[in-house]
Amino acid sequence: VKIVYSAVVSTQSTGMNFPCVAKCTYFNSLLSWLYPCVKAKFVDLQKSIVAQLGSRGLSISGDGQFDSPGFCAKYCTYSILENLTGKLIDIFVVQKGQYVGELEKNACYEVLKRVLLKHGLNVTQFVTDRHQGIAKMIRSDPLFK
């Protein structure tokens, strides 16, 4: 992280005849080094959390957060937490136009599908806000029976 921070500082000080990193090099280094490291660490932590939770019946909570208030949001991030430990199980980001319909409902569906099918967790209780689309999806979709 210190290397990335120093690259940001040096790109801003070009008027003082300091050697600097070009924006292209900076963003390429983020894509090549930083992002893969962060993703690998998240996946490792996620695997250990899923292993700790095991096959017991879980009570989980989920909520969606939008990148901006109102009706102009471009992204929705849906997070799933285990209620007893408070640990993050999974997250899913949906971009406007990626799915037809409501962003929060689609993000919830995708992350719950991953929790149930990919991670193989036994969910006995799901707590969320009063989103009507999510409530109907949970009642009617055979995946959640």
N, C-alpha and C. Protein backbone atom coordinates (compact mmCIF):
# COMPACT_ATOMS: atom_id res chain seq x y z
N VAL A 1 0.83 -1.18 0.00
CA VAL A 1 0.00 0.00 0.00
C VAL A 1 0.88 1.25 0.00
N LYS A 2 2.03 1.20 0.65
CA LYS A 2 2.91 2.36 0.66
C LYS A 2 3.42 2.67 -0.74
N ILE A 3 3.68 1.64 -1.54
CA ILE A 3 4.16 1.86 -2.90
C ILE A 3 3.08 2.56 -3.73
N VAL A 4 1.85 2.12 -3.58
CA VAL A 4 0.75 2.72 -4.32
C VAL A 4 0.57 4.16 -3.88
N TYR A 5 0.65 4.45 -2.58
CA TYR A 5 0.49 5.80 -2.09
C TYR A 5 1.60 6.70 -2.62
N SER A 6 2.84 6.23 -2.63
CA SER A 6 3.94 7.05 -3.13
C SER A 6 3.78 7.33 -4.62
N ALA A 7 3.20 6.39 -5.37
CA ALA A 7 2.96 6.63 -6.79
C ALA A 7 1.92 7.73 -6.98
N VAL A 8 0.92 7.76 -6.10
CA VAL A 8 -0.10 8.80 -6.20
C VAL A 8 0.52 10.16 -5.91
N VAL A 9 1.37 10.24 -4.90
CA VAL A 9 2.00 11.51 -4.55
C VAL A 9 2.91 11.97 -5.69
N SER A 10 3.67 11.05 -6.27
CA SER A 10 4.63 11.46 -7.30
C SER A 10 3.94 11.91 -8.58
N THR A 11 2.76 11.40 -8.88
CA THR A 11 2.07 11.85 -10.10
C THR A 11 1.55 13.26 -9.94
N GLN A 12 1.39 13.71 -8.72
CA GLN A 12 0.86 15.05 -8.49
C GLN A 12 1.97 16.10 -8.41
N SER A 13 3.23 15.68 -8.35
CA SER A 13 4.32 16.64 -8.17
C SER A 13 5.17 16.77 -9.42
N THR A 14 4.58 16.77 -10.59
CA THR A 14 5.34 16.82 -11.84
C THR A 14 5.95 18.18 -12.09
N GLY A 15 5.44 19.23 -11.54
CA GLY A 15 5.96 20.57 -11.78
C GLY A 15 7.27 20.86 -11.06
N MET A 16 7.74 19.96 -10.22
CA MET A 16 8.95 20.20 -9.43
C MET A 16 10.14 19.39 -9.92
N ASN A 17 10.08 18.88 -11.15
CA ASN A 17 11.17 18.11 -11.75
C ASN A 17 11.52 16.84 -10.99
N PHE A 18 10.55 16.26 -10.33
CA PHE A 18 10.74 14.96 -9.70
C PHE A 18 10.44 13.88 -10.72
N PRO A 19 11.15 12.78 -10.64
CA PRO A 19 10.74 11.66 -11.50
C PRO A 19 9.36 11.17 -11.03
N CYS A 20 8.52 10.87 -11.97
CA CYS A 20 7.17 10.48 -11.57
C CYS A 20 6.71 9.27 -12.37
N VAL A 21 5.69 8.65 -11.83
CA VAL A 21 5.08 7.49 -12.46
C VAL A 21 3.91 7.99 -13.31
N ALA A 22 3.84 7.55 -14.54
CA ALA A 22 2.73 7.95 -15.40
C ALA A 22 1.43 7.32 -14.90
N LYS A 23 0.31 7.95 -15.20
CA LYS A 23 -0.98 7.42 -14.78
C LYS A 23 -1.18 6.01 -15.31
N CYS A 24 -0.80 5.77 -16.53
CA CYS A 24 -0.97 4.45 -17.14
C CYS A 24 -0.20 3.39 -16.34
N THR A 25 1.04 3.70 -15.97
CA THR A 25 1.86 2.77 -15.18
C THR A 25 1.25 2.55 -13.81
N TYR A 26 0.77 3.62 -13.20
CA TYR A 26 0.15 3.52 -11.89
C TYR A 26 -1.06 2.60 -11.92
N PHE A 27 -1.97 2.81 -12.87
CA PHE A 27 -3.18 1.98 -12.92
C PHE A 27 -2.86 0.56 -13.35
N ASN A 28 -1.86 0.37 -14.20
CA ASN A 28 -1.45 -0.98 -14.56
C ASN A 28 -0.88 -1.72 -13.35
N SER A 29 -0.14 -1.01 -12.50
CA SER A 29 0.39 -1.66 -11.29
C SER A 29 -0.73 -2.03 -10.33
N LEU A 30 -1.78 -1.19 -10.26
CA LEU A 30 -2.94 -1.55 -9.43
C LEU A 30 -3.58 -2.83 -9.94
N LEU A 31 -3.80 -2.90 -11.25
CA LEU A 31 -4.43 -4.08 -11.85
C LEU A 31 -3.55 -5.32 -11.73
N SER A 32 -2.26 -5.14 -11.81
CA SER A 32 -1.34 -6.29 -11.80
C SER A 32 -1.01 -6.79 -10.41
N TRP A 33 -0.88 -5.88 -9.44
CA TRP A 33 -0.37 -6.28 -8.12
C TRP A 33 -1.39 -6.12 -7.00
N LEU A 34 -1.91 -4.92 -6.85
CA LEU A 34 -2.74 -4.65 -5.67
C LEU A 34 -4.07 -5.38 -5.71
N TYR A 35 -4.84 -5.23 -6.79
CA TYR A 35 -6.17 -5.84 -6.84
C TYR A 35 -6.13 -7.37 -6.72
N PRO A 36 -5.22 -8.06 -7.40
CA PRO A 36 -5.16 -9.52 -7.21
C PRO A 36 -4.81 -9.92 -5.77
N CYS A 37 -3.95 -9.14 -5.10
CA CYS A 37 -3.61 -9.45 -3.71
C CYS A 37 -4.80 -9.27 -2.78
N VAL A 38 -5.54 -8.19 -2.97
CA VAL A 38 -6.72 -7.94 -2.14
C VAL A 38 -7.77 -9.02 -2.38
N LYS A 39 -7.98 -9.38 -3.64
CA LYS A 39 -8.97 -10.42 -3.96
C LYS A 39 -8.57 -11.77 -3.37
N ALA A 40 -7.28 -12.13 -3.48
CA ALA A 40 -6.81 -13.40 -2.92
C ALA A 40 -6.98 -13.43 -1.40
N LYS A 41 -6.70 -12.33 -0.74
CA LYS A 41 -6.86 -12.26 0.71
C LYS A 41 -8.33 -12.39 1.10
N PHE A 42 -9.22 -11.72 0.35
CA PHE A 42 -10.66 -11.82 0.63
C PHE A 42 -11.14 -13.24 0.45
N VAL A 43 -10.72 -13.91 -0.63
CA VAL A 43 -11.15 -15.28 -0.89
C VAL A 43 -10.64 -16.22 0.21
N ASP A 44 -9.40 -16.03 0.66
CA ASP A 44 -8.87 -16.85 1.76
C ASP A 44 -9.66 -16.66 3.04
N LEU A 45 -9.96 -15.40 3.38
CA LEU A 45 -10.75 -15.12 4.58
C LEU A 45 -12.16 -15.69 4.45
N GLN A 46 -12.74 -15.58 3.26
CA GLN A 46 -14.07 -16.10 3.03
C GLN A 46 -14.10 -17.62 3.21
N LYS A 47 -13.10 -18.31 2.68
CA LYS A 47 -13.03 -19.77 2.84
C LYS A 47 -12.91 -20.16 4.31
N SER A 48 -12.11 -19.43 5.07
CA SER A 48 -11.96 -19.76 6.50
C SER A 48 -13.25 -19.48 7.26
N ILE A 49 -13.96 -18.41 6.91
CA ILE A 49 -15.22 -18.10 7.58
C ILE A 49 -16.26 -19.18 7.26
N VAL A 50 -16.35 -19.58 6.00
CA VAL A 50 -17.31 -20.62 5.60
C VAL A 50 -16.97 -21.93 6.31
N ALA A 51 -15.68 -22.26 6.44
CA ALA A 51 -15.28 -23.48 7.14
C ALA A 51 -15.64 -23.41 8.62
N GLN A 52 -15.50 -22.25 9.24
CA GLN A 52 -15.85 -22.07 10.65
C GLN A 52 -17.36 -22.22 10.86
N LEU A 53 -18.14 -21.70 9.92
CA LEU A 53 -19.60 -21.76 10.08
C LEU A 53 -20.13 -23.18 9.93
N GLY A 54 -19.47 -23.98 9.10
CA GLY A 54 -19.83 -25.39 8.97
C GLY A 54 -21.22 -25.62 8.42
N SER A 55 -21.82 -26.72 8.85
CA SER A 55 -23.13 -27.11 8.31
C SER A 55 -24.27 -26.84 9.27
N ARG A 56 -24.02 -26.15 10.36
CA ARG A 56 -25.12 -25.85 11.29
C ARG A 56 -26.08 -24.85 10.66
N GLY A 57 -27.30 -24.79 11.16
CA GLY A 57 -28.28 -23.84 10.65
C GLY A 57 -27.88 -22.42 10.98
N LEU A 58 -27.83 -21.57 9.98
CA LEU A 58 -27.34 -20.20 10.17
C LEU A 58 -28.48 -19.19 10.09
N SER A 59 -28.33 -18.15 10.86
CA SER A 59 -29.18 -16.98 10.75
C SER A 59 -28.33 -15.90 10.09
N ILE A 60 -28.76 -15.44 8.93
CA ILE A 60 -27.97 -14.45 8.20
C ILE A 60 -28.79 -13.19 7.97
N SER A 61 -28.07 -12.08 7.79
CA SER A 61 -28.70 -10.80 7.49
C SER A 61 -28.14 -10.27 6.18
N GLY A 62 -28.98 -9.57 5.43
CA GLY A 62 -28.53 -8.99 4.18
C GLY A 62 -29.10 -7.60 3.99
N ASP A 63 -28.33 -6.75 3.33
CA ASP A 63 -28.81 -5.42 3.01
C ASP A 63 -28.06 -4.88 1.81
N GLY A 64 -28.75 -4.08 1.03
CA GLY A 64 -28.15 -3.46 -0.14
C GLY A 64 -27.83 -2.01 0.11
N GLN A 65 -26.70 -1.56 -0.43
CA GLN A 65 -26.30 -0.17 -0.33
C GLN A 65 -26.10 0.35 -1.75
N PHE A 66 -26.64 1.53 -2.00
CA PHE A 66 -26.51 2.14 -3.31
C PHE A 66 -25.40 3.18 -3.28
N ASP A 67 -24.82 3.44 -4.45
CA ASP A 67 -23.70 4.38 -4.52
C ASP A 67 -24.15 5.83 -4.40
N SER A 68 -25.43 6.11 -4.58
CA SER A 68 -25.94 7.47 -4.42
C SER A 68 -27.41 7.41 -4.02
N PRO A 69 -27.88 8.43 -3.33
CA PRO A 69 -29.28 8.43 -2.92
C PRO A 69 -30.21 8.74 -4.09
N GLY A 70 -31.46 8.38 -3.94
CA GLY A 70 -32.45 8.71 -4.95
C GLY A 70 -32.56 7.64 -6.02
N PHE A 71 -33.03 8.06 -7.18
CA PHE A 71 -33.31 7.13 -8.27
C PHE A 71 -32.22 7.09 -9.33
N CYS A 72 -31.07 7.68 -9.07
CA CYS A 72 -30.02 7.74 -10.08
C CYS A 72 -28.84 6.84 -9.76
N ALA A 73 -28.99 5.87 -8.88
CA ALA A 73 -27.89 5.01 -8.48
C ALA A 73 -27.42 4.14 -9.65
N LYS A 74 -26.11 3.98 -9.77
CA LYS A 74 -25.55 3.15 -10.82
C LYS A 74 -25.17 1.77 -10.30
N TYR A 75 -24.78 1.69 -9.02
CA TYR A 75 -24.33 0.43 -8.44
C TYR A 75 -25.12 0.12 -7.17
N CYS A 76 -25.30 -1.17 -6.91
CA CYS A 76 -25.86 -1.64 -5.65
C CYS A 76 -24.97 -2.76 -5.13
N THR A 77 -24.51 -2.62 -3.90
CA THR A 77 -23.69 -3.63 -3.26
C THR A 77 -24.53 -4.32 -2.21
N TYR A 78 -24.69 -5.63 -2.32
CA TYR A 78 -25.48 -6.39 -1.36
C TYR A 78 -24.54 -7.23 -0.51
N SER A 79 -24.65 -7.10 0.80
CA SER A 79 -23.78 -7.80 1.74
C SER A 79 -24.57 -8.78 2.57
N ILE A 80 -23.97 -9.94 2.85
CA ILE A 80 -24.58 -10.96 3.69
C ILE A 80 -23.68 -11.19 4.90
N LEU A 81 -24.24 -11.05 6.11
CA LEU A 81 -23.51 -11.27 7.36
C LEU A 81 -24.14 -12.42 8.12
N GLU A 82 -23.31 -13.13 8.87
CA GLU A 82 -23.80 -14.17 9.78
C GLU A 82 -24.12 -13.47 11.09
N ASN A 83 -25.33 -13.66 11.63
CA ASN A 83 -25.80 -12.88 12.78
C ASN A 83 -25.08 -13.19 14.08
N LEU A 84 -24.73 -14.44 14.33
CA LEU A 84 -24.12 -14.80 15.60
C LEU A 84 -22.70 -14.25 15.73
N THR A 85 -21.90 -14.38 14.68
CA THR A 85 -20.52 -13.92 14.72
C THR A 85 -20.34 -12.52 14.17
N GLY A 86 -21.28 -12.07 13.33
CA GLY A 86 -21.16 -10.75 12.72
C GLY A 86 -20.15 -10.71 11.57
N LYS A 87 -19.76 -11.87 11.09
CA LYS A 87 -18.75 -11.92 10.02
C LYS A 87 -19.41 -11.84 8.65
N LEU A 88 -18.70 -11.19 7.75
CA LEU A 88 -19.16 -11.05 6.37
C LEU A 88 -18.97 -12.36 5.64
N ILE A 89 -20.05 -12.90 5.07
CA ILE A 89 -19.97 -14.15 4.32
C ILE A 89 -19.69 -13.88 2.86
N ASP A 90 -20.42 -12.93 2.26
CA ASP A 90 -20.24 -12.66 0.83
C ASP A 90 -20.81 -11.29 0.49
N ILE A 91 -20.35 -10.74 -0.62
CA ILE A 91 -20.87 -9.49 -1.16
C ILE A 91 -21.07 -9.66 -2.66
N PHE A 92 -21.95 -8.85 -3.21
CA PHE A 92 -22.20 -8.88 -4.65
C PHE A 92 -22.52 -7.46 -5.11
N VAL A 93 -21.89 -7.04 -6.19
CA VAL A 93 -22.11 -5.70 -6.74
C VAL A 93 -22.84 -5.84 -8.07
N VAL A 94 -23.93 -5.08 -8.22
CA VAL A 94 -24.73 -5.07 -9.45
C VAL A 94 -24.66 -3.67 -10.04
N GLN A 95 -24.45 -3.61 -11.35
CA GLN A 95 -24.44 -2.34 -12.06
C GLN A 95 -25.75 -2.16 -12.80
N LYS A 96 -26.23 -0.94 -12.82
CA LYS A 96 -27.47 -0.62 -13.54
C LYS A 96 -27.33 -1.04 -15.00
N GLY A 97 -28.32 -1.72 -15.53
CA GLY A 97 -28.28 -2.21 -16.89
C GLY A 97 -27.77 -3.64 -17.01
N GLN A 98 -27.15 -4.15 -15.94
CA GLN A 98 -26.65 -5.53 -15.95
C GLN A 98 -27.81 -6.53 -15.85
N TYR A 99 -28.84 -6.16 -15.11
CA TYR A 99 -30.04 -6.98 -14.94
C TYR A 99 -31.26 -6.14 -15.25
N VAL A 100 -32.34 -6.79 -15.61
CA VAL A 100 -33.61 -6.10 -15.80
C VAL A 100 -34.33 -6.11 -14.46
N GLY A 101 -34.87 -4.98 -14.06
CA GLY A 101 -35.61 -4.92 -12.80
C GLY A 101 -34.83 -4.21 -11.72
N GLU A 102 -35.18 -4.51 -10.49
CA GLU A 102 -34.64 -3.82 -9.33
C GLU A 102 -33.22 -4.29 -9.01
N LEU A 103 -32.33 -3.35 -8.78
CA LEU A 103 -30.94 -3.67 -8.48
C LEU A 103 -30.80 -4.46 -7.19
N GLU A 104 -31.46 -4.00 -6.13
CA GLU A 104 -31.29 -4.64 -4.82
C GLU A 104 -31.81 -6.08 -4.83
N LYS A 105 -32.95 -6.31 -5.45
CA LYS A 105 -33.51 -7.67 -5.51
C LYS A 105 -32.59 -8.61 -6.29
N ASN A 106 -32.07 -8.14 -7.42
CA ASN A 106 -31.17 -8.97 -8.22
C ASN A 106 -29.86 -9.26 -7.51
N ALA A 107 -29.32 -8.27 -6.83
CA ALA A 107 -28.08 -8.48 -6.07
C ALA A 107 -28.33 -9.46 -4.93
N CYS A 108 -29.46 -9.33 -4.25
CA CYS A 108 -29.81 -10.24 -3.16
C CYS A 108 -29.92 -11.67 -3.68
N TYR A 109 -30.59 -11.84 -4.80
CA TYR A 109 -30.76 -13.18 -5.38
C TYR A 109 -29.41 -13.81 -5.70
N GLU A 110 -28.53 -13.06 -6.35
CA GLU A 110 -27.23 -13.61 -6.74
C GLU A 110 -26.37 -13.97 -5.54
N VAL A 111 -26.36 -13.11 -4.53
CA VAL A 111 -25.51 -13.41 -3.37
C VAL A 111 -26.10 -14.56 -2.54
N LEU A 112 -27.42 -14.65 -2.44
CA LEU A 112 -28.02 -15.79 -1.73
C LEU A 112 -27.79 -17.09 -2.49
N LYS A 113 -27.84 -17.03 -3.79
CA LYS A 113 -27.55 -18.21 -4.60
C LYS A 113 -26.13 -18.69 -4.36
N ARG A 114 -25.19 -17.76 -4.26
CA ARG A 114 -23.79 -18.15 -3.98
C ARG A 114 -23.66 -18.72 -2.57
N VAL A 115 -24.35 -18.12 -1.61
CA VAL A 115 -24.27 -18.61 -0.22
C VAL A 115 -24.81 -20.04 -0.13
N LEU A 116 -25.94 -20.28 -0.79
CA LEU A 116 -26.57 -21.60 -0.70
C LEU A 116 -25.89 -22.65 -1.58
N LEU A 117 -25.57 -22.30 -2.81
CA LEU A 117 -25.07 -23.29 -3.76
C LEU A 117 -23.54 -23.39 -3.76
N LYS A 118 -22.84 -22.28 -3.90
CA LYS A 118 -21.38 -22.31 -3.99
C LYS A 118 -20.74 -22.64 -2.64
N HIS A 119 -21.19 -21.94 -1.60
CA HIS A 119 -20.60 -22.17 -0.27
C HIS A 119 -21.25 -23.34 0.45
N GLY A 120 -22.44 -23.74 0.04
CA GLY A 120 -23.11 -24.89 0.63
C GLY A 120 -23.54 -24.69 2.07
N LEU A 121 -23.87 -23.48 2.46
CA LEU A 121 -24.26 -23.21 3.84
C LEU A 121 -25.73 -23.53 4.06
N ASN A 122 -26.06 -23.95 5.27
CA ASN A 122 -27.42 -24.29 5.66
C ASN A 122 -28.04 -23.07 6.33
N VAL A 123 -28.84 -22.33 5.61
CA VAL A 123 -29.46 -21.11 6.13
C VAL A 123 -30.86 -21.44 6.63
N THR A 124 -31.11 -21.15 7.90
CA THR A 124 -32.43 -21.39 8.47
C THR A 124 -33.23 -20.11 8.63
N GLN A 125 -32.54 -18.97 8.70
CA GLN A 125 -33.22 -17.69 8.88
C GLN A 125 -32.50 -16.61 8.08
N PHE A 126 -33.29 -15.81 7.35
CA PHE A 126 -32.74 -14.69 6.57
C PHE A 126 -33.45 -13.42 6.98
N VAL A 127 -32.69 -12.44 7.43
CA VAL A 127 -33.24 -11.17 7.89
C VAL A 127 -32.80 -10.08 6.92
N THR A 128 -33.76 -9.29 6.46
CA THR A 128 -33.46 -8.18 5.56
C THR A 128 -34.43 -7.04 5.84
N ASP A 129 -34.31 -5.96 5.09
CA ASP A 129 -35.23 -4.85 5.27
C ASP A 129 -36.58 -5.18 4.63
N ARG A 130 -37.47 -4.25 4.58
CA ARG A 130 -38.84 -4.50 4.13
C ARG A 130 -38.99 -4.32 2.63
N HIS A 131 -38.05 -4.77 1.86
CA HIS A 131 -38.10 -4.66 0.41
C HIS A 131 -39.12 -5.66 -0.13
N GLN A 132 -40.15 -5.17 -0.80
CA GLN A 132 -41.24 -6.02 -1.25
C GLN A 132 -40.79 -7.04 -2.30
N GLY A 133 -39.90 -6.65 -3.18
CA GLY A 133 -39.40 -7.56 -4.21
C GLY A 133 -38.63 -8.72 -3.63
N ILE A 134 -37.83 -8.46 -2.59
CA ILE A 134 -37.07 -9.53 -1.94
C ILE A 134 -38.01 -10.47 -1.19
N ALA A 135 -39.00 -9.90 -0.51
CA ALA A 135 -39.96 -10.73 0.22
C ALA A 135 -40.69 -11.68 -0.73
N LYS A 136 -41.12 -11.18 -1.88
CA LYS A 136 -41.82 -12.02 -2.85
C LYS A 136 -40.88 -13.07 -3.42
N MET A 137 -39.64 -12.69 -3.70
CA MET A 137 -38.67 -13.63 -4.24
C MET A 137 -38.42 -14.79 -3.26
N ILE A 138 -38.28 -14.49 -1.99
CA ILE A 138 -38.04 -15.53 -0.97
C ILE A 138 -39.25 -16.46 -0.88
N ARG A 139 -40.47 -15.90 -0.96
CA ARG A 139 -41.68 -16.73 -0.87
C ARG A 139 -41.88 -17.61 -2.09
N SER A 140 -41.54 -17.12 -3.28
CA SER A 140 -41.93 -17.82 -4.49
C SER A 140 -40.83 -18.63 -5.17
N ASP A 141 -39.57 -18.30 -4.99
CA ASP A 141 -38.49 -18.99 -5.72
C ASP A 141 -38.20 -20.34 -5.08
N PRO A 142 -38.15 -21.43 -5.86
CA PRO A 142 -37.89 -22.76 -5.30
C PRO A 142 -36.49 -22.92 -4.69
N LEU A 143 -35.56 -22.06 -5.06
CA LEU A 143 -34.22 -22.11 -4.48
C LEU A 143 -34.25 -21.88 -2.97
N PHE A 144 -35.23 -21.12 -2.49
CA PHE A 144 -35.26 -20.73 -1.09
C PHE A 144 -36.26 -21.54 -0.26
N LYS A 145 -36.75 -22.63 -0.77
CA LYS A 145 -37.70 -23.47 -0.02
C LYS A 145 -36.97 -24.39 0.92
